[in-house]
Amino acid sequence: MSDTTAQNGSALDELPGDLMMWVLIISELLVFGAGLAAFLAVRASDPDGFAQAQDALNRTGAGLNTVILVTSGFFAALAVPWREAGRRMQVRLALIAAALLGVLFLIIKGAEFAQKAALGIGWDTHAFFTFYYLLTGFHAAHVVAGVLILLLVAWRDDPRNIEVGASFWHMVDLVWVLLFPVIYLLQ
């Protein structure tokens, strides 16, 4: 137990940002975890069908998107100590860079969705694609929310806001780092 915990009596006081953001983050991780568990359970009943459907995915684009989101997370992480050091312009630039990389992620994901639509692949084509569209589409919605949060935090760069925004963005990164191997790589 740290000195801070001993003085305040709660490990929650040591969380960066806001407790309600952590409640949101944990609940979102549970939702995505349940979706991935369901995906894996249904996949177990049709491994050949899932493998064949998975071959229609753009693994290169998804790999690039992984690098993009991890890099954006790095920029969001830099904003926290930079704000503490009083480097406000660098903080804003780091948060804007993270948001722009989030937009690039959405462009690549949108192109992948458009490619699937052009091939006639929809959510009802196969159970694999039902999960693919639900999980990656729900994640894309979180990327949109995260981009907006990062831009708001860049505008109102209070240290607590930066911690909250960066925490949410790291959840978005973490979810993608879990989705990518399970949906795109696991055979």
Protein backbone atom coordinates (compact mmCIF):
# COMPACT_ATOMS: atom_id res chain seq x y z
CA MET A 1 0.00 0.00 0.00
CA SER A 2 1.42 3.41 -0.93
CA ASP A 3 1.59 6.41 1.40
CA THR A 4 -1.20 8.11 -0.57
CA THR A 5 -3.47 5.12 -0.17
CA ALA A 6 -2.70 4.91 3.53
CA GLN A 7 -3.49 8.62 4.03
CA ASN A 8 -6.67 8.72 1.94
CA GLY A 9 -7.83 5.21 2.63
CA SER A 10 -8.71 4.36 -0.97
CA ALA A 11 -6.84 2.99 -3.96
CA LEU A 12 -9.44 4.78 -6.11
CA ASP A 13 -7.82 8.08 -5.20
CA GLU A 14 -4.74 7.00 -7.13
CA LEU A 15 -6.56 6.45 -10.43
CA PRO A 16 -5.67 9.05 -13.03
CA GLY A 17 -8.58 11.18 -14.20
CA ASP A 18 -12.13 10.63 -13.04
CA LEU A 19 -13.74 7.65 -11.30
CA MET A 20 -16.78 7.74 -13.60
CA MET A 21 -14.51 7.48 -16.66
CA TRP A 22 -13.01 4.35 -15.12
CA VAL A 23 -16.50 2.93 -14.56
CA LEU A 24 -17.22 3.60 -18.24
CA ILE A 25 -13.89 2.08 -19.35
CA ILE A 26 -14.40 -1.08 -17.31
CA SER A 27 -17.98 -1.48 -18.52
CA GLU A 28 -16.87 -1.03 -22.14
CA LEU A 29 -14.08 -3.58 -21.70
CA LEU A 30 -16.63 -6.03 -20.29
CA VAL A 31 -18.94 -5.47 -23.28
CA PHE A 32 -16.13 -6.01 -25.77
CA GLY A 33 -14.90 -9.00 -23.76
CA ALA A 34 -18.35 -10.57 -23.89
CA GLY A 35 -18.48 -9.95 -27.66
CA LEU A 36 -15.11 -11.58 -28.16
CA ALA A 37 -16.11 -14.53 -25.97
CA ALA A 38 -19.28 -15.01 -28.02
CA PHE A 39 -17.26 -14.72 -31.24
CA LEU A 40 -14.86 -17.43 -30.06
CA ALA A 41 -17.71 -19.68 -28.88
CA VAL A 42 -19.54 -19.49 -32.21
CA ARG A 43 -16.23 -19.87 -34.08
CA ALA A 44 -15.66 -23.14 -32.24
CA SER A 45 -18.84 -24.51 -33.82
CA ASP A 46 -17.73 -23.61 -37.38
CA PRO A 47 -13.94 -23.20 -37.54
CA ASP A 48 -13.74 -23.87 -41.29
CA GLY A 49 -16.50 -21.38 -42.13
CA PHE A 50 -14.92 -18.73 -39.91
CA ALA A 51 -11.48 -19.32 -41.45
CA GLN A 52 -12.88 -19.04 -44.96
CA ALA A 53 -14.79 -15.85 -44.10
CA GLN A 54 -11.73 -14.42 -42.38
CA ASP A 55 -9.75 -14.77 -45.62
CA ALA A 56 -11.94 -12.00 -47.09
CA LEU A 57 -10.54 -9.50 -44.57
CA ASN A 58 -7.80 -6.98 -45.28
CA ARG A 59 -5.14 -8.04 -42.77
CA THR A 60 -2.63 -5.50 -44.10
CA GLY A 61 -5.05 -2.62 -43.53
CA ALA A 62 -5.91 -3.94 -40.08
CA GLY A 63 -2.21 -4.28 -39.24
CA LEU A 64 -1.62 -0.71 -40.40
CA ASN A 65 -4.57 0.40 -38.28
CA THR A 66 -2.97 -1.29 -35.28
CA VAL A 67 0.24 0.70 -35.76
CA ILE A 68 -1.82 3.87 -36.25
CA LEU A 69 -3.81 3.42 -33.02
CA VAL A 70 -0.77 2.45 -30.94
CA THR A 71 1.05 5.52 -32.26
CA SER A 72 -1.94 7.73 -31.47
CA GLY A 73 -1.97 6.27 -27.96
CA PHE A 74 1.69 7.23 -27.61
CA PHE A 75 0.84 10.84 -28.50
CA ALA A 76 -2.07 10.87 -26.04
CA ALA A 77 0.22 9.47 -23.34
CA LEU A 78 2.81 12.18 -23.99
CA ALA A 79 0.21 14.87 -23.35
CA VAL A 80 -0.11 14.02 -19.64
CA PRO A 81 3.50 14.63 -18.51
CA TRP A 82 3.88 17.49 -20.98
CA ARG A 83 0.91 19.28 -19.38
CA GLU A 84 2.43 18.74 -15.95
CA ALA A 85 5.65 20.30 -17.29
CA GLY A 86 3.73 23.32 -18.58
CA ARG A 87 4.33 22.53 -22.28
CA ARG A 88 0.83 23.56 -23.37
CA MET A 89 1.55 23.92 -27.10
CA GLN A 90 3.14 20.46 -27.27
CA VAL A 91 0.17 19.06 -25.33
CA ARG A 92 -2.27 20.45 -27.86
CA LEU A 93 -0.20 19.23 -30.78
CA ALA A 94 0.12 15.74 -29.27
CA LEU A 95 -3.64 15.50 -28.66
CA ILE A 96 -4.43 16.79 -32.15
CA ALA A 97 -1.94 14.30 -33.64
CA ALA A 98 -3.61 11.48 -31.69
CA ALA A 99 -7.04 12.62 -32.94
CA LEU A 100 -5.86 12.88 -36.56
CA LEU A 101 -4.43 9.37 -36.38
CA GLY A 102 -7.84 8.28 -35.08
CA VAL A 103 -9.41 9.84 -38.17
CA LEU A 104 -6.90 7.99 -40.36
CA PHE A 105 -7.90 4.76 -38.61
CA LEU A 106 -11.55 5.50 -39.46
CA ILE A 107 -10.72 6.19 -43.11
CA ILE A 108 -8.94 2.84 -43.44
CA LYS A 109 -11.74 1.02 -41.58
CA GLY A 110 -14.34 2.75 -43.76
CA ALA A 111 -12.48 1.65 -46.90
CA GLU A 112 -12.51 -1.92 -45.59
CA PHE A 113 -16.25 -1.75 -44.91
CA ALA A 114 -16.83 -0.29 -48.41
CA GLN A 115 -14.75 -3.08 -49.95
CA LYS A 116 -16.85 -5.69 -48.16
CA ALA A 117 -20.06 -4.01 -49.33
CA ALA A 118 -18.79 -3.94 -52.93
CA LEU A 119 -18.20 -7.69 -52.69
CA GLY A 120 -21.74 -8.18 -51.38
CA ILE A 121 -20.52 -9.16 -47.92
CA GLY A 122 -22.93 -7.96 -45.26
CA TRP A 123 -23.59 -8.67 -41.62
CA ASP A 124 -25.91 -11.52 -42.61
CA THR A 125 -23.50 -13.24 -45.04
CA HIS A 126 -22.06 -15.51 -42.35
CA ALA A 127 -21.91 -15.52 -38.53
CA PHE A 128 -18.28 -14.42 -38.80
CA PHE A 129 -19.35 -11.19 -40.53
CA THR A 130 -22.11 -10.59 -38.01
CA PHE A 131 -19.46 -10.47 -35.28
CA TYR A 132 -16.98 -8.65 -37.53
CA TYR A 133 -19.38 -5.79 -38.24
CA LEU A 134 -20.73 -5.62 -34.68
CA LEU A 135 -17.35 -5.64 -32.95
CA THR A 136 -15.36 -3.51 -35.37
CA GLY A 137 -18.30 -1.17 -35.99
CA PHE A 138 -18.83 -0.67 -32.25
CA HIS A 139 -15.13 -0.06 -31.90
CA ALA A 140 -15.22 2.48 -34.74
CA ALA A 141 -17.99 4.31 -32.87
CA HIS A 142 -15.67 4.48 -29.87
CA VAL A 143 -12.90 5.84 -32.10
CA VAL A 144 -15.26 8.62 -33.24
CA ALA A 145 -16.10 9.42 -29.60
CA GLY A 146 -12.41 9.29 -28.68
CA VAL A 147 -11.43 11.66 -31.49
CA LEU A 148 -14.04 14.15 -30.28
CA ILE A 149 -12.86 13.77 -26.68
CA LEU A 150 -9.21 14.31 -27.69
CA LEU A 151 -10.09 17.44 -29.63
CA LEU A 152 -12.17 18.82 -26.74
CA VAL A 153 -9.36 18.08 -24.32
CA ALA A 154 -6.84 19.77 -26.64
CA TRP A 155 -9.07 22.84 -26.60
CA ARG A 156 -9.66 22.76 -22.81
CA ASP A 157 -6.31 21.38 -21.69
CA ASP A 158 -6.90 21.08 -17.97
CA PRO A 159 -4.63 18.37 -16.47
CA ARG A 160 -7.58 16.32 -15.20
CA ASN A 161 -9.29 16.51 -18.60
CA ILE A 162 -6.12 15.32 -20.29
CA GLU A 163 -5.89 12.31 -17.96
CA VAL A 164 -9.54 11.45 -18.57
CA GLY A 165 -9.23 11.83 -22.36
CA ALA A 166 -5.99 9.85 -22.51
CA SER A 167 -7.50 7.09 -20.36
CA PHE A 168 -10.49 6.75 -22.69
CA TRP A 169 -8.21 6.73 -25.73
CA HIS A 170 -6.04 4.00 -24.20
CA MET A 171 -9.18 1.90 -23.72
CA VAL A 172 -9.94 2.36 -27.42
CA ASP A 173 -6.36 1.26 -28.22
CA LEU A 174 -6.57 -1.74 -25.91
CA VAL A 175 -9.83 -2.93 -27.42
CA TRP A 176 -8.33 -2.81 -30.93
CA VAL A 177 -5.20 -4.64 -29.77
CA LEU A 178 -7.56 -7.41 -28.58
CA LEU A 179 -9.88 -7.33 -31.62
CA PHE A 180 -7.12 -7.36 -34.23
CA PRO A 181 -5.56 -10.76 -33.46
CA VAL A 182 -8.84 -12.50 -32.63
CA ILE A 183 -10.77 -11.30 -35.68
CA TYR A 184 -8.01 -10.94 -38.27
CA LEU A 185 -5.30 -13.46 -37.33
CA LEU A 186 -6.62 -16.31 -35.17
CA GLN A 187 -7.19 -19.36 -37.38
